[in-house]
């Protein structure tokens, strides 16, 4: 199992609108690709010097091939939607995490 993690710092001026859009539109759209088994949206509790609020969205995917298919078939379009709705209002970075064990 792999976690595709997207960490985003969102400006305060659009924070509430972004959270709602993520929960109601973007995360369901990503899950709608059929490539992820579930998603968790978490607020990062450390305050950033840059201001705004920071969130981590963690999408679970069964294997590398499925994640690569997401990158090839869906990622550009879905990431573009965030930019279209919130231009110059956020900074994101992505990481991949391999689950070693769950207890």
Protein backbone atom coordinates (compact mmCIF):
# COMPACT_ATOMS: atom_id res chain seq x y z
CA UNK A 1 0.00 0.00 0.00
CA UNK A 2 1.21 3.48 -0.88
CA UNK A 3 0.04 6.82 0.45
CA UNK A 4 0.06 9.66 -2.08
CA UNK A 5 0.30 12.71 0.19
CA UNK A 6 -0.44 16.27 -0.94
CA UNK A 7 0.48 18.97 1.58
CA UNK A 8 -0.95 22.42 0.85
CA UNK A 9 -0.58 25.80 2.49
CA UNK A 10 -3.64 27.88 1.60
CA UNK A 11 -3.98 31.65 2.05
CA UNK A 12 -6.31 32.83 4.78
CA UNK A 13 -8.36 34.89 2.32
CA UNK A 14 -9.69 31.73 0.60
CA UNK A 15 -9.20 29.18 3.37
CA UNK A 16 -12.85 28.35 4.13
CA UNK A 17 -13.82 28.25 0.45
CA UNK A 18 -10.85 25.96 -0.34
CA UNK A 19 -11.66 23.51 2.49
CA UNK A 20 -15.26 23.24 1.34
CA UNK A 21 -14.23 22.80 -2.32
CA UNK A 22 -11.69 20.13 -1.37
CA UNK A 23 -14.23 18.17 0.67
CA UNK A 24 -17.15 18.50 -1.75
CA UNK A 25 -15.42 18.53 -5.15
CA UNK A 26 -11.72 17.83 -5.43
CA UNK A 27 -11.25 14.84 -3.13
CA UNK A 28 -14.38 13.12 -4.55
CA UNK A 29 -13.03 13.79 -8.07
CA UNK A 30 -9.67 12.21 -7.22
CA UNK A 31 -11.41 9.21 -5.64
CA UNK A 32 -13.68 9.10 -8.68
CA UNK A 33 -10.72 8.09 -10.84
CA UNK A 34 -11.08 4.66 -9.25
CA UNK A 35 -7.37 4.54 -8.47
CA UNK A 36 -7.47 5.27 -4.74
CA UNK A 37 -9.16 3.26 -2.00
CA UNK A 38 -9.74 6.15 0.41
CA UNK A 39 -8.59 9.62 1.41
CA UNK A 40 -7.95 11.46 4.66
CA UNK A 41 -7.81 15.23 4.98
CA UNK A 42 -5.80 16.43 7.97
CA UNK A 43 -5.03 19.91 9.26
CA UNK A 44 -1.37 20.46 10.12
CA UNK A 45 -1.29 21.87 13.65
CA UNK A 46 2.05 23.68 13.35
CA UNK A 47 1.72 27.35 12.43
CA UNK A 48 3.68 28.36 9.35
CA UNK A 49 5.80 31.52 9.16
CA UNK A 50 4.21 32.17 5.77
CA UNK A 51 0.74 32.39 7.34
CA UNK A 52 -2.37 30.71 6.04
CA UNK A 53 -3.33 27.18 7.01
CA UNK A 54 -1.67 23.92 6.05
CA UNK A 55 -3.40 20.64 5.24
CA UNK A 56 -2.31 17.15 4.28
CA UNK A 57 -4.54 15.03 2.06
CA UNK A 58 -3.52 11.39 2.06
CA UNK A 59 -4.80 9.16 -0.72
CA UNK A 60 -4.31 5.39 -0.31
CA UNK A 61 -3.42 3.40 -3.44
CA UNK A 62 -2.80 -0.33 -3.67
CA UNK A 63 0.39 -0.35 -5.76
CA UNK A 64 2.95 1.63 -7.77
CA UNK A 65 1.38 0.75 -11.14
CA UNK A 66 -1.94 2.24 -10.09
CA UNK A 67 -0.26 5.40 -8.81
CA UNK A 68 1.69 5.71 -12.06
CA UNK A 69 -1.58 5.35 -13.98
CA UNK A 70 -3.01 8.24 -11.92
CA UNK A 71 0.01 10.38 -12.80
CA UNK A 72 -0.30 9.52 -16.51
CA UNK A 73 -4.09 9.75 -16.85
CA UNK A 74 -5.47 12.13 -14.22
CA UNK A 75 -2.94 14.17 -12.24
CA UNK A 76 -2.42 17.09 -14.63
CA UNK A 77 -6.15 17.65 -15.12
CA UNK A 78 -7.02 17.44 -11.42
CA UNK A 79 -4.08 19.56 -10.27
CA UNK A 80 -5.05 22.10 -12.92
CA UNK A 81 -8.51 22.37 -11.38
CA UNK A 82 -7.01 23.49 -8.08
CA UNK A 83 -4.94 26.13 -9.85
CA UNK A 84 -7.97 27.30 -11.86
CA UNK A 85 -10.13 27.74 -8.75
CA UNK A 86 -7.44 29.17 -6.44
CA UNK A 87 -4.80 30.87 -8.63
CA UNK A 88 -1.77 32.13 -6.71
CA UNK A 89 -3.44 31.35 -3.36
CA UNK A 90 -1.65 28.13 -2.37
CA UNK A 91 1.58 26.21 -2.37
CA UNK A 92 1.55 22.40 -2.56
CA UNK A 93 4.10 19.64 -2.45
CA UNK A 94 3.60 15.94 -2.95
CA UNK A 95 5.23 12.93 -1.33
CA UNK A 96 4.82 9.19 -1.67
CA UNK A 97 4.84 7.04 1.44
CA UNK A 98 5.11 3.28 1.54
CA UNK A 99 3.20 1.65 4.38
CA UNK A 100 5.56 -0.76 6.12
CA UNK A 101 3.21 -1.91 8.87
CA UNK A 102 -0.10 -1.07 10.48
CA UNK A 103 -0.94 -2.03 14.03
